[in-house]
């Protein structure tokens, strides 16, 4: 019977599934770690399942826990929104805003964006996640994510968006590259050694056959074959590697421009079509009328209008 269950345990269960660590769940809930640990014991008794397995990486949900969370997570989010939707004062709100974001935006723009928000909404809490987080559309739908910054479109019938910025892929090499001058032929592009970001699993976007690099996500079948000699974890390290070696790379112009301007790498005319791509801020349509969402979306737009 529902009346025999402690419903106060459900937000703790939700936080444990999201955070996968007792300490992080406790922080998110503004609780002590022993209190969360005690709640987990009670949850295990209530559901008659271990729910989580301890590993070196943290708490791994059992199959039963994942099944429960698909039902409990959206329901909790709906209840929370029903209490929050009418009142939002940025000066006193302590909401947690969860956003997936790519490395470039996080490194180059995030500090400037957050600075004015710290004055306008000093209690607001932000958590930023990588843009290759699994199941981004599902996380937006059930509230595990409030926003996602994406350069690959999400379904328009489920998600709304605003344009934050545009970029264009470019091919770069060292200024004093031993072979390349101002252009690169298709044959050279396919045969010469490249440096690229490591492929990642983007299971939420429907291509489960193989992991993809960001360049492959953007260009798809329009990207020629590449001879990738080096994979790195962050796109931001690529221009420095290109400047010091004979490796070439395909990166966003925003990342390459400082190095081009300093004369350490040069931009080559690509042997394939490189159209502009958009960086959009996405959210699930169910949140479009939430006052907090309306306010925060406007902050994003005001900031990007200045850059």
Protein backbone atom coordinates (compact mmCIF):
# COMPACT_ATOMS: atom_id res chain seq x y z
CA UNK A 1 0.00 0.00 0.00
CA UNK A 2 1.29 3.45 -0.91
CA UNK A 3 0.34 4.93 2.49
CA UNK A 4 2.73 2.48 4.15
CA UNK A 5 5.70 3.77 2.12
CA UNK A 6 7.96 6.69 3.03
CA UNK A 7 7.67 8.89 -0.06
CA UNK A 8 10.43 11.13 1.26
CA UNK A 9 12.86 8.41 0.21
CA UNK A 10 12.02 8.79 -3.47
CA UNK A 11 13.91 12.07 -4.10
CA UNK A 12 16.95 10.43 -2.45
CA UNK A 13 16.60 7.41 -4.73
CA UNK A 14 16.35 9.77 -7.71
CA UNK A 15 19.51 11.63 -6.64
CA UNK A 16 21.44 8.38 -6.15
CA UNK A 17 20.54 7.18 -9.65
CA UNK A 18 21.59 10.53 -11.13
CA UNK A 19 24.79 11.08 -9.18
CA UNK A 20 25.99 7.48 -8.73
CA UNK A 21 27.88 8.51 -5.56
CA UNK A 22 26.68 8.96 -1.97
CA UNK A 23 28.72 12.15 -1.49
CA UNK A 24 27.43 13.79 -4.66
CA UNK A 25 23.83 12.77 -3.94
CA UNK A 26 24.15 14.20 -0.43
CA UNK A 27 25.50 17.46 -1.84
CA UNK A 28 22.68 17.71 -4.36
CA UNK A 29 20.10 17.13 -1.64
CA UNK A 30 21.80 19.34 0.96
CA UNK A 31 21.91 16.33 3.29
CA UNK A 32 24.68 14.66 5.22
CA UNK A 33 26.30 11.58 3.70
CA UNK A 34 25.32 9.34 6.68
CA UNK A 35 21.69 10.43 6.26
CA UNK A 36 21.73 9.46 2.57
CA UNK A 37 23.43 6.16 3.43
CA UNK A 38 20.71 5.43 5.98
CA UNK A 39 18.03 6.31 3.43
CA UNK A 40 19.59 3.87 0.97
CA UNK A 41 19.28 1.08 3.54
CA UNK A 42 15.59 1.88 3.96
CA UNK A 43 15.10 2.02 0.18
CA UNK A 44 16.61 -1.44 -0.15
CA UNK A 45 14.19 -2.77 2.44
CA UNK A 46 11.20 -1.04 0.80
CA UNK A 47 11.95 -2.34 -2.70
CA UNK A 48 13.46 -5.67 -1.58
CA UNK A 49 16.43 -5.13 -3.88
CA UNK A 50 20.05 -4.00 -3.45
CA UNK A 51 19.28 -1.19 -5.95
CA UNK A 52 22.98 -0.21 -6.22
CA UNK A 53 26.25 -2.12 -6.43
CA UNK A 54 29.37 -0.45 -5.03
CA UNK A 55 32.32 -0.23 -7.44
CA UNK A 56 35.51 1.82 -7.59
CA UNK A 57 33.69 4.26 -9.88
CA UNK A 58 30.77 4.67 -7.48
CA UNK A 59 27.28 3.21 -7.22
CA UNK A 60 26.02 1.26 -10.22
CA UNK A 61 22.20 0.92 -10.34
CA UNK A 62 20.80 -2.58 -10.63
CA UNK A 63 18.37 -3.44 -13.40
CA UNK A 64 15.55 -3.14 -10.86
CA UNK A 65 16.73 0.36 -9.89
CA UNK A 66 16.83 1.49 -13.50
CA UNK A 67 13.34 0.13 -14.12
CA UNK A 68 12.03 1.94 -11.05
CA UNK A 69 13.71 5.19 -12.03
CA UNK A 70 12.04 5.25 -15.44
CA UNK A 71 8.74 5.43 -13.54
CA UNK A 72 9.72 7.47 -10.48
CA UNK A 73 11.99 10.05 -12.12
CA UNK A 74 9.39 11.67 -14.42
CA UNK A 75 6.75 11.58 -11.67
CA UNK A 76 9.04 13.36 -9.21
CA UNK A 77 9.93 15.93 -11.81
CA UNK A 78 6.26 16.60 -12.52
CA UNK A 79 5.50 17.07 -8.81
CA UNK A 80 8.49 19.36 -8.35
CA UNK A 81 7.51 21.50 -11.34
CA UNK A 82 3.94 21.84 -10.00
CA UNK A 83 5.32 23.50 -6.85
CA UNK A 84 7.98 25.60 -8.60
CA UNK A 85 6.21 26.76 -11.73
CA UNK A 86 4.31 29.68 -10.17
CA UNK A 87 7.14 31.21 -8.14
CA UNK A 88 10.63 32.07 -9.25
CA UNK A 89 12.76 34.80 -7.79
CA UNK A 90 16.32 34.59 -9.17
CA UNK A 91 17.71 36.39 -6.12
CA UNK A 92 16.58 33.67 -3.71
CA UNK A 93 16.05 30.55 -5.84
CA UNK A 94 18.40 27.67 -5.05
CA UNK A 95 17.34 25.43 -7.90
CA UNK A 96 19.88 23.10 -9.47
CA UNK A 97 20.22 23.66 -13.22
CA UNK A 98 21.65 20.68 -15.12
CA UNK A 99 23.15 21.41 -18.55
CA UNK A 100 25.07 19.29 -21.05
CA UNK A 101 27.69 21.31 -22.91
CA UNK A 102 30.63 20.69 -25.21
CA UNK A 103 34.25 21.31 -24.23
CA UNK A 104 34.68 24.37 -26.44
CA UNK A 105 31.68 26.25 -25.06
CA UNK A 106 32.52 25.25 -21.51
CA UNK A 107 36.13 26.43 -21.73
CA UNK A 108 35.87 29.51 -23.91
CA UNK A 109 32.53 31.00 -22.87
CA UNK A 110 31.27 29.55 -19.59
CA UNK A 111 33.13 31.83 -17.16
CA UNK A 112 31.88 35.00 -18.91
CA UNK A 113 28.32 33.63 -18.92
CA UNK A 114 28.30 32.62 -15.26
CA UNK A 115 29.84 35.85 -13.94
CA UNK A 116 26.73 38.07 -14.30
CA UNK A 117 24.47 35.21 -13.17
CA UNK A 118 26.32 35.03 -9.87
CA UNK A 119 25.09 38.56 -9.18
CA UNK A 120 21.57 38.11 -10.55
CA UNK A 121 20.96 34.66 -9.03
CA UNK A 122 23.53 34.06 -6.26
CA UNK A 123 21.80 30.94 -4.87
CA UNK A 124 21.22 29.22 -8.20
CA UNK A 125 23.30 26.06 -8.57
CA UNK A 126 24.63 24.77 -11.89
CA UNK A 127 25.88 21.36 -12.91
CA UNK A 128 27.48 20.95 -16.31
CA UNK A 129 27.83 17.59 -18.03
CA UNK A 130 29.63 16.51 -21.23
CA UNK A 131 27.67 16.71 -24.47
CA UNK A 132 28.25 13.01 -25.12
CA UNK A 133 26.27 12.06 -22.02
CA UNK A 134 24.11 9.01 -22.84
CA UNK A 135 20.41 9.48 -23.63
CA UNK A 136 20.37 13.28 -23.72
CA UNK A 137 16.79 13.50 -25.14
CA UNK A 138 15.52 11.17 -22.41
CA UNK A 139 17.32 13.18 -19.74
CA UNK A 140 15.74 16.38 -21.03
CA UNK A 141 12.32 14.76 -21.00
CA UNK A 142 12.46 13.37 -17.46
CA UNK A 143 14.24 16.37 -15.94
CA UNK A 144 17.70 14.93 -15.35
CA UNK A 145 18.82 17.70 -17.72
CA UNK A 146 17.25 21.14 -17.95
CA UNK A 147 19.16 22.14 -21.08
CA UNK A 148 21.44 20.67 -23.71
CA UNK A 149 23.79 22.65 -25.94
CA UNK A 150 23.85 20.68 -29.17
CA UNK A 151 25.16 21.08 -32.70
CA UNK A 152 23.13 18.08 -33.89
CA UNK A 153 19.37 18.83 -34.17
CA UNK A 154 16.93 17.25 -31.74
CA UNK A 155 13.35 16.42 -32.83
CA UNK A 156 11.37 19.64 -33.26
CA UNK A 157 8.10 18.05 -32.19
CA UNK A 158 9.48 17.38 -28.69
CA UNK A 159 12.07 20.06 -28.08
CA UNK A 160 12.25 23.83 -28.38
CA UNK A 161 15.51 25.69 -28.95
CA UNK A 162 17.23 29.01 -29.38
CA UNK A 163 20.30 29.68 -31.49
CA UNK A 164 23.34 30.51 -29.37
CA UNK A 165 26.14 30.62 -31.94
CA UNK A 166 27.36 29.33 -35.28
CA UNK A 167 30.69 27.89 -36.29
CA UNK A 168 32.35 26.35 -39.32
CA UNK A 169 34.75 23.46 -39.65
CA UNK A 170 38.16 24.24 -41.05
CA UNK A 171 41.30 22.27 -41.88
CA UNK A 172 44.49 23.41 -40.16
CA UNK A 173 48.19 22.56 -40.28
CA UNK A 174 51.39 24.00 -38.83
CA UNK A 175 52.47 27.35 -40.24
CA UNK A 176 55.72 25.83 -41.49
CA UNK A 177 54.27 22.50 -42.55
CA UNK A 178 56.83 20.66 -44.74
CA UNK A 179 54.32 19.80 -47.47
CA UNK A 180 51.23 21.99 -47.35
CA UNK A 181 51.00 25.60 -48.44
CA UNK A 182 47.54 27.24 -48.71
CA UNK A 183 45.46 24.36 -50.12
CA UNK A 184 45.06 20.66 -49.53
CA UNK A 185 43.83 18.21 -52.14
CA UNK A 186 41.35 15.47 -51.38
CA UNK A 187 44.08 12.87 -51.88
CA UNK A 188 46.33 14.68 -49.37
CA UNK A 189 43.49 15.05 -46.90
CA UNK A 190 42.77 11.33 -46.99
CA UNK A 191 46.38 10.15 -46.84
CA UNK A 192 48.09 12.60 -44.48
CA UNK A 193 48.11 11.87 -40.73
CA UNK A 194 45.37 13.59 -38.68
CA UNK A 195 44.87 14.36 -35.02
CA UNK A 196 41.26 14.05 -33.86
CA UNK A 197 39.11 13.93 -30.75
CA UNK A 198 38.53 10.37 -29.59
CA UNK A 199 35.34 8.75 -30.88
CA UNK A 200 32.46 8.74 -28.42
CA UNK A 201 29.20 6.87 -28.08
CA UNK A 202 26.26 9.09 -29.03
CA UNK A 203 23.59 6.46 -28.53
CA UNK A 204 20.86 9.06 -28.08
CA UNK A 205 21.09 10.19 -31.68
CA UNK A 206 20.37 6.88 -33.30
CA UNK A 207 23.75 5.76 -34.64
CA UNK A 208 24.52 2.74 -32.52
CA UNK A 209 26.70 1.03 -35.12
CA UNK A 210 29.90 2.84 -34.12
CA UNK A 211 31.30 5.59 -31.96
CA UNK A 212 31.70 8.96 -33.64
CA UNK A 213 33.98 11.95 -33.37
CA UNK A 214 32.34 15.42 -33.26
CA UNK A 215 33.50 16.06 -36.85
CA UNK A 216 31.78 12.88 -37.99
CA UNK A 217 28.60 13.91 -36.19
CA UNK A 218 28.55 17.25 -37.98
CA UNK A 219 29.49 16.20 -41.50
CA UNK A 220 28.21 12.64 -41.62
CA UNK A 221 28.68 11.08 -45.04
CA UNK A 222 30.14 14.35 -46.37
CA UNK A 223 33.35 13.81 -44.39
CA UNK A 224 36.07 12.11 -46.47
CA UNK A 225 38.02 9.21 -45.06
CA UNK A 226 40.72 10.32 -42.62
CA UNK A 227 44.03 8.73 -41.65
CA UNK A 228 43.83 9.45 -37.92
CA UNK A 229 47.26 8.97 -36.36
CA UNK A 230 46.38 10.43 -32.94
CA UNK A 231 43.26 10.65 -30.82
CA UNK A 232 43.02 13.14 -27.94
CA UNK A 233 40.48 13.72 -25.20
CA UNK A 234 39.78 17.40 -25.84
CA UNK A 235 39.47 19.38 -29.04
CA UNK A 236 41.17 22.32 -27.33
CA UNK A 237 44.53 20.52 -27.35
CA UNK A 238 44.46 19.93 -31.10
CA UNK A 239 45.78 23.32 -32.39
CA UNK A 240 48.88 23.11 -30.15
CA UNK A 241 49.62 19.60 -31.42
CA UNK A 242 49.12 20.68 -35.03
CA UNK A 243 51.41 23.69 -34.51
CA UNK A 244 54.22 21.44 -33.27
CA UNK A 245 53.95 18.52 -35.72
CA UNK A 246 53.21 17.52 -39.30
CA UNK A 247 49.70 16.38 -38.28
CA UNK A 248 46.64 18.06 -39.77
CA UNK A 249 43.20 18.42 -38.22
CA UNK A 250 39.60 19.39 -38.88
CA UNK A 251 38.23 21.59 -36.11
CA UNK A 252 35.77 24.39 -35.53
CA UNK A 253 37.06 27.80 -36.54
CA UNK A 254 36.34 29.13 -33.03
CA UNK A 255 38.93 26.73 -31.60
CA UNK A 256 41.49 27.35 -34.34
CA UNK A 257 41.19 31.14 -34.70
CA UNK A 258 43.45 32.20 -31.79
CA UNK A 259 46.21 29.99 -33.17
CA UNK A 260 45.65 31.25 -36.70
CA UNK A 261 45.74 34.86 -35.50
CA UNK A 262 49.04 34.24 -33.69
CA UNK A 263 50.51 32.72 -36.83
CA UNK A 264 51.17 29.32 -35.24
CA UNK A 265 48.84 27.35 -37.51
CA UNK A 266 47.35 28.13 -40.89
CA UNK A 267 43.91 27.56 -42.29
CA UNK A 268 43.69 25.45 -45.43
CA UNK A 269 41.03 25.49 -48.11
CA UNK A 270 39.13 22.25 -47.42
CA UNK A 271 38.67 19.78 -50.28
CA UNK A 272 35.04 19.21 -49.25
CA UNK A 273 32.01 21.31 -48.41
CA UNK A 274 32.08 22.81 -44.89
CA UNK A 275 28.83 24.63 -44.21
CA UNK A 276 28.17 26.56 -41.02
CA UNK A 277 26.66 24.56 -38.19
CA UNK A 278 24.55 25.92 -35.35
CA UNK A 279 25.01 25.57 -31.62
CA UNK A 280 21.50 25.51 -30.18
CA UNK A 281 20.20 25.49 -26.64
CA UNK A 282 17.53 22.76 -26.36
CA UNK A 283 14.93 22.01 -23.71
CA UNK A 284 11.87 19.80 -23.53
CA UNK A 285 8.66 21.56 -24.57
CA UNK A 286 6.95 20.70 -21.29
CA UNK A 287 9.14 23.33 -19.60
CA UNK A 288 8.61 26.22 -21.98
CA UNK A 289 6.21 28.10 -19.67
CA UNK A 290 8.16 27.59 -16.46
CA UNK A 291 9.13 31.10 -15.19
CA UNK A 292 12.60 29.89 -14.20
CA UNK A 293 13.13 28.50 -17.66
CA UNK A 294 11.90 31.71 -19.33
CA UNK A 295 14.26 33.78 -17.20
CA UNK A 296 17.32 31.58 -17.71
CA UNK A 297 16.77 31.21 -21.45
CA UNK A 298 16.73 35.00 -21.71
CA UNK A 299 20.07 35.12 -19.87
CA UNK A 300 21.55 32.77 -22.45
CA UNK A 301 20.22 34.89 -25.30
CA UNK A 302 21.40 38.16 -23.76
CA UNK A 303 24.88 36.73 -23.30
CA UNK A 304 25.24 35.25 -26.79
CA UNK A 305 24.04 38.54 -28.35
CA UNK A 306 27.19 40.15 -26.95
CA UNK A 307 29.74 37.62 -28.25
